[in-house]
Amino acid sequence: FGFGNTGSDSNLSNLISNAGVVATDASGVGTARNGLGACEYGDDKGIFGYGYGGGATAVTNLVSNAGVVATDVTGVGTARYDMTACSYGGDKGIFGFGYAPSTNRSMTNLVSNVGVVATDTTGVGTARFSLGACEYGGDKAIFGFGQVSTYSSLTNLVSNAGVVASDTTGVGTARQIKGGACGYGYDKGIFGYGYSAGGRVSMTNLVSNAGVVATDTTGVGTARDQSGATQYGGDKGIFGYGDTGSAVSMTNLVSNAGVVATDTTGVGTARKGLAACSFN
């Protein structure tokens, strides 16, 4: 888990073991910010990118296969925030959508297997922000939910070549996810938590290995939004931190069958608007 807002923007990080245990805070590296995205690349490394830190930015920070976060890399592409990211193609990544000053975006930026971010690719699908993204099917990805002018449950599939498809009619409660999605079970995914027209929720929506989003699963754990999520242990997932009205540090583990566990007492500084990715 990395970055986020504690009451002010942060660059703290917290490593997650292959048993799903979250470590105490690691000293921050890079521009403190929130509303960013993160994904894996190169099989065993990660990248944090974009976000809001006194203004929209496109800076990125690479994560080594030992979980060490590097200093800022000059941003490529349109500076924006409240976007999201996920891996695709086995060893590459994609940042997509978001909000740049006064404008919803549907653009994407591909990440190579050596962590190089490409310039903007013209957007496909409805421009929106505060959505989530995760892998499915072993080498593909999906963007889902978010806010247009109202809450949305739209999804956009991503091929194993990083090509984003047009909108798929949404399934499940329309809401802002804001980063809360991850893979599980090697080839499936899960969207979780968020903020709907009725307020904060703890519901989840599973994604099959064919990229089909299921209807709502009754929530487990404290309703919140602005959490981060990532895989751990090869085939499991974890949701962590977020906003319940104030920033929290609780986590919820996801089994390799997509079952979300009850709250685990938080470790590390409570914050919201953070991002997460796996490494090693």
Protein backbone atom coordinates (compact mmCIF):
# COMPACT_ATOMS: atom_id res chain seq x y z
CA PHE A 1 0.00 0.00 0.00
CA GLY A 2 1.37 3.46 -0.75
CA PHE A 3 0.70 7.19 -0.58
CA GLY A 4 -2.78 8.58 0.32
CA ASN A 5 -4.16 11.33 2.51
CA THR A 6 -3.85 11.26 6.32
CA GLY A 7 -5.34 14.75 6.72
CA SER A 8 -2.55 15.94 4.47
CA ASP A 9 -1.02 14.17 1.50
CA SER A 10 1.40 11.34 2.32
CA ASN A 11 4.09 9.23 0.67
CA LEU A 12 4.13 6.49 3.31
CA SER A 13 4.08 2.84 2.26
CA ASN A 14 3.23 -0.44 4.00
CA LEU A 15 4.48 -3.80 2.73
CA ILE A 16 2.23 -6.88 2.73
CA SER A 17 3.70 -10.33 3.34
CA ASN A 18 2.75 -13.42 1.32
CA ALA A 19 0.53 -14.34 4.27
CA GLY A 20 -1.41 -11.05 4.08
CA VAL A 21 0.25 -9.41 7.08
CA VAL A 22 0.61 -5.63 6.74
CA ALA A 23 3.83 -4.07 8.05
CA THR A 24 4.30 -0.80 9.87
CA ASP A 25 4.92 2.42 7.96
CA ALA A 26 7.99 2.75 5.76
CA SER A 27 9.41 6.23 5.36
CA GLY A 28 7.96 7.95 2.34
CA VAL A 29 9.71 8.40 -0.97
CA GLY A 30 8.44 10.56 -3.83
CA THR A 31 5.86 13.31 -4.09
CA ALA A 32 3.20 13.03 -1.38
CA ARG A 33 -0.18 12.63 -3.05
CA ASN A 34 -3.54 10.89 -3.12
CA GLY A 35 -5.95 9.74 -5.84
CA LEU A 36 -3.23 7.83 -7.69
CA GLY A 37 -3.07 4.40 -9.33
CA ALA A 38 -0.69 1.43 -9.00
CA CYS A 39 -0.06 -1.85 -10.78
CA GLU A 40 2.51 -4.58 -11.32
CA TYR A 41 4.89 -4.76 -14.29
CA GLY A 42 7.76 -6.99 -15.37
CA ASP A 43 6.41 -10.04 -13.49
CA ASP A 44 7.78 -8.97 -10.10
CA LYS A 45 7.88 -5.18 -9.80
CA GLY A 46 5.34 -2.38 -9.35
CA ILE A 47 4.63 1.24 -10.19
CA PHE A 48 2.68 4.07 -8.53
CA GLY A 49 1.60 6.89 -10.82
CA TYR A 50 -0.32 10.12 -11.28
CA GLY A 51 -2.49 11.57 -8.47
CA TYR A 52 -3.09 14.84 -6.70
CA GLY A 53 -0.38 16.52 -4.66
CA GLY A 54 -1.02 20.26 -4.59
CA GLY A 55 -2.39 19.81 -8.11
CA ALA A 56 -2.74 17.10 -10.71
CA THR A 57 0.49 15.28 -11.54
CA ALA A 58 1.79 12.55 -13.84
CA VAL A 59 4.89 11.57 -11.85
CA THR A 60 5.55 7.87 -11.26
CA ASN A 61 7.49 5.88 -8.69
CA LEU A 62 8.86 2.43 -9.48
CA VAL A 63 8.79 -0.37 -6.89
CA SER A 64 11.60 -2.94 -6.90
CA ASN A 65 11.07 -6.66 -6.44
CA ALA A 66 12.14 -6.10 -2.82
CA GLY A 67 9.35 -3.57 -2.27
CA VAL A 68 11.58 -0.50 -2.30
CA VAL A 69 9.87 2.61 -3.69
CA ALA A 70 12.06 4.80 -5.89
CA THR A 71 12.16 8.57 -6.22
CA ASP A 72 9.98 10.41 -8.72
CA VAL A 73 10.23 9.76 -12.45
CA THR A 74 9.15 12.73 -14.55
CA GLY A 75 5.54 12.27 -15.59
CA VAL A 76 4.47 11.17 -19.05
CA GLY A 77 0.98 11.85 -20.35
CA THR A 78 -1.79 14.09 -19.09
CA ALA A 79 -1.57 14.95 -15.39
CA ARG A 80 -4.68 13.70 -13.62
CA TYR A 81 -6.01 12.11 -10.45
CA ASP A 82 -8.76 9.80 -9.19
CA MET A 83 -7.74 7.36 -11.90
CA THR A 84 -6.71 3.72 -11.58
CA ALA A 85 -4.32 1.08 -12.92
CA CYS A 86 -3.88 -2.66 -13.34
CA SER A 87 -1.60 -5.12 -15.09
CA TYR A 88 -2.27 -6.90 -18.38
CA GLY A 89 -0.46 -9.22 -20.77
CA GLY A 90 1.33 -11.02 -17.95
CA ASP A 91 4.07 -8.44 -17.48
CA LYS A 92 2.78 -4.99 -18.45
CA GLY A 93 0.47 -2.38 -16.95
CA ILE A 94 -2.08 0.28 -17.83
CA PHE A 95 -3.17 3.54 -16.17
CA GLY A 96 -6.61 4.73 -17.23
CA PHE A 97 -9.37 7.31 -16.95
CA GLY A 98 -9.36 9.96 -14.19
CA TYR A 99 -9.99 13.65 -13.72
CA ALA A 100 -7.83 16.47 -15.00
CA PRO A 101 -8.78 20.03 -14.08
CA SER A 102 -12.45 20.47 -15.02
CA THR A 103 -12.55 17.42 -17.31
CA ASN A 104 -13.34 13.71 -16.96
CA ARG A 105 -10.86 11.59 -18.93
CA SER A 106 -11.01 8.24 -20.71
CA MET A 107 -7.39 8.21 -21.91
CA THR A 108 -4.93 5.45 -21.00
CA ASN A 109 -1.17 5.14 -20.63
CA LEU A 110 0.51 1.77 -21.13
CA VAL A 111 3.40 0.60 -18.95
CA SER A 112 6.07 -1.58 -20.58
CA ASN A 113 7.63 -4.64 -18.96
CA VAL A 114 10.55 -2.44 -17.88
CA GLY A 115 8.32 0.20 -16.25
CA VAL A 116 8.34 2.82 -18.98
CA VAL A 117 5.09 4.78 -19.22
CA ALA A 118 3.86 5.64 -22.73
CA THR A 119 2.21 8.82 -23.90
CA ASP A 120 -1.57 9.15 -23.92
CA THR A 121 -3.69 6.72 -25.90
CA THR A 122 -6.97 8.20 -27.06
CA GLY A 123 -9.70 7.17 -24.69
CA VAL A 124 -12.28 4.48 -25.34
CA GLY A 125 -15.42 4.31 -23.26
CA THR A 126 -17.21 6.86 -21.14
CA ALA A 127 -14.88 9.38 -19.52
CA ARG A 128 -15.07 9.04 -15.75
CA PHE A 129 -13.10 9.09 -12.51
CA SER A 130 -12.90 7.31 -9.14
CA LEU A 131 -13.18 3.86 -10.71
CA GLY A 132 -11.33 0.59 -10.07
CA ALA A 133 -9.39 -1.89 -12.20
CA CYS A 134 -8.11 -5.44 -11.85
CA GLU A 135 -6.77 -8.35 -13.89
CA TYR A 136 -8.78 -11.36 -15.01
CA GLY A 137 -8.24 -14.40 -17.22
CA GLY A 138 -4.52 -14.55 -16.52
CA ASP A 139 -3.50 -11.82 -18.96
CA LYS A 140 -6.41 -9.40 -19.39
CA ALA A 141 -7.87 -6.55 -17.36
CA ILE A 142 -11.07 -4.66 -16.61
CA PHE A 143 -11.91 -1.07 -15.61
CA GLY A 144 -15.19 -0.64 -13.76
CA PHE A 145 -17.60 1.65 -11.94
CA GLY A 146 -16.70 5.31 -11.25
CA GLN A 147 -18.39 8.67 -11.61
CA VAL A 148 -19.47 10.41 -14.80
CA SER A 149 -21.93 13.15 -13.77
CA THR A 150 -23.67 10.49 -11.69
CA TYR A 151 -22.45 7.18 -10.24
CA SER A 152 -21.77 4.44 -12.78
CA SER A 153 -21.39 0.67 -12.97
CA LEU A 154 -20.02 0.62 -16.54
CA THR A 155 -17.07 -1.63 -17.32
CA ASN A 156 -14.42 -1.69 -20.06
CA LEU A 157 -12.44 -4.82 -20.85
CA VAL A 158 -8.73 -4.64 -21.71
CA SER A 159 -7.20 -7.19 -24.07
CA ASN A 160 -3.86 -8.92 -23.50
CA ALA A 161 -2.41 -6.34 -25.91
CA GLY A 162 -3.62 -3.41 -23.78
CA VAL A 163 -6.52 -2.43 -26.04
CA VAL A 164 -9.49 -0.99 -24.17
CA ALA A 165 -12.97 -2.02 -25.38
CA SER A 166 -16.09 0.11 -25.53
CA ASP A 167 -18.51 0.26 -22.60
CA THR A 168 -20.22 -2.84 -21.25
CA THR A 169 -23.54 -2.17 -19.55
CA GLY A 170 -22.97 -2.06 -15.83
CA VAL A 171 -23.88 -4.79 -13.36
CA GLY A 172 -24.21 -4.11 -9.66
CA THR A 173 -24.75 -0.95 -7.65
CA ALA A 174 -23.48 2.17 -9.41
CA ARG A 175 -20.79 3.76 -7.29
CA GLN A 176 -17.36 5.27 -6.97
CA ILE A 177 -14.79 2.54 -6.32
CA LYS A 178 -11.71 4.77 -6.25
CA GLY A 179 -9.07 2.04 -6.52
CA GLY A 180 -10.87 -0.76 -4.66
CA ALA A 181 -10.30 -3.74 -6.96
CA CYS A 182 -7.79 -6.58 -7.25
CA GLY A 183 -7.27 -10.05 -8.68
CA TYR A 184 -7.71 -13.33 -6.81
CA GLY A 185 -7.57 -17.04 -7.60
CA TYR A 186 -4.95 -16.47 -10.33
CA ASP A 187 -7.50 -15.60 -13.04
CA LYS A 188 -10.42 -13.76 -11.45
CA GLY A 189 -11.04 -10.33 -9.94
CA ILE A 190 -13.11 -8.45 -7.39
CA PHE A 191 -14.44 -4.89 -7.08
CA GLY A 192 -15.21 -3.85 -3.51
CA TYR A 193 -16.54 -1.15 -1.25
CA GLY A 194 -17.17 2.38 -2.54
CA TYR A 195 -19.60 5.27 -2.35
CA SER A 196 -23.07 5.06 -3.91
CA ALA A 197 -26.11 7.31 -4.00
CA GLY A 198 -27.04 5.75 -0.64
CA GLY A 199 -23.65 6.43 0.93
CA ARG A 200 -20.63 4.24 1.70
CA VAL A 201 -21.01 0.50 1.06
CA SER A 202 -19.15 -2.74 1.77
CA MET A 203 -20.59 -4.78 -1.11
CA THR A 204 -18.39 -6.60 -3.64
CA ASN A 205 -18.73 -7.74 -7.25
CA LEU A 206 -16.77 -10.73 -8.49
CA VAL A 207 -15.24 -10.86 -11.98
CA SER A 208 -15.08 -14.24 -13.73
CA ASN A 209 -12.10 -15.48 -15.75
CA ALA A 210 -14.05 -14.39 -18.83
CA GLY A 211 -14.43 -10.81 -17.57
CA VAL A 212 -18.09 -11.09 -16.56
CA VAL A 213 -19.04 -8.98 -13.54
CA ALA A 214 -21.46 -10.57 -11.08
CA THR A 215 -24.28 -8.92 -9.18
CA ASP A 216 -23.69 -7.49 -5.71
CA THR A 217 -22.45 -9.73 -2.91
CA THR A 218 -23.57 -8.60 0.52
CA GLY A 219 -20.76 -6.68 2.11
CA VAL A 220 -18.40 -7.96 4.77
CA GLY A 221 -16.45 -5.51 6.86
CA THR A 222 -16.86 -1.80 7.51
CA ALA A 223 -18.46 0.23 4.71
CA ARG A 224 -15.99 2.70 3.28
CA ASP A 225 -14.59 4.25 0.13
CA GLN A 226 -11.17 5.43 -1.11
CA SER A 227 -9.48 2.15 -0.12
CA GLY A 228 -6.65 0.37 -1.95
CA ALA A 229 -6.54 -3.27 -3.01
CA THR A 230 -3.99 -5.72 -4.34
CA GLN A 231 -3.17 -9.40 -4.66
CA TYR A 232 -0.86 -11.16 -2.24
CA GLY A 233 0.40 -14.71 -1.87
CA GLY A 234 -0.08 -15.41 -5.56
CA ASP A 235 -3.82 -16.10 -5.48
CA LYS A 236 -5.39 -14.02 -2.72
CA GLY A 237 -6.28 -10.35 -2.28
CA ILE A 238 -6.55 -7.61 0.31
CA PHE A 239 -8.56 -4.39 0.66
CA GLY A 240 -7.07 -1.81 2.99
CA TYR A 241 -7.42 1.62 4.52
CA GLY A 242 -10.06 4.07 3.22
CA ASP A 243 -12.60 6.60 4.44
CA THR A 244 -15.56 5.90 6.75
CA GLY A 245 -16.11 9.61 7.39
CA SER A 246 -12.55 9.72 8.65
CA ALA A 247 -9.46 7.88 7.45
CA VAL A 248 -8.96 4.29 8.69
CA SER A 249 -6.24 1.62 8.47
CA MET A 250 -8.30 -1.59 8.70
CA THR A 251 -7.88 -4.37 6.13
CA ASN A 252 -10.02 -7.21 4.76
CA LEU A 253 -8.45 -10.33 3.26
CA VAL A 254 -9.89 -12.02 0.17
CA SER A 255 -9.55 -15.80 -0.15
CA ASN A 256 -8.60 -17.59 -3.37
CA ALA A 257 -12.34 -18.26 -3.78
CA GLY A 258 -13.21 -14.55 -3.60
CA VAL A 259 -14.59 -14.61 -0.06
CA VAL A 260 -13.98 -11.39 1.88
CA ALA A 261 -13.09 -11.71 5.57
CA THR A 262 -14.15 -9.52 8.45
CA ASP A 263 -12.09 -6.49 9.46
CA THR A 264 -8.49 -6.94 10.58
CA THR A 265 -7.26 -4.27 12.96
CA GLY A 266 -5.28 -1.71 11.01
CA VAL A 267 -1.51 -1.41 10.96
CA GLY A 268 0.15 1.80 9.90
CA THR A 269 -1.12 5.34 9.60
CA ALA A 270 -4.82 5.67 8.76
CA ARG A 271 -5.33 7.21 5.35
CA LYS A 272 -7.58 7.37 2.31
CA GLY A 273 -7.13 7.83 -1.44
CA LEU A 274 -4.09 5.52 -1.54
CA ALA A 275 -3.11 2.85 -4.09
CA ALA A 276 -1.67 -0.67 -3.89
CA CYS A 277 0.09 -3.22 -6.08
CA SER A 278 1.88 -6.52 -5.66
CA PHE A 279 5.61 -7.10 -6.11
CA ASN A 280 7.95 -10.11 -6.14
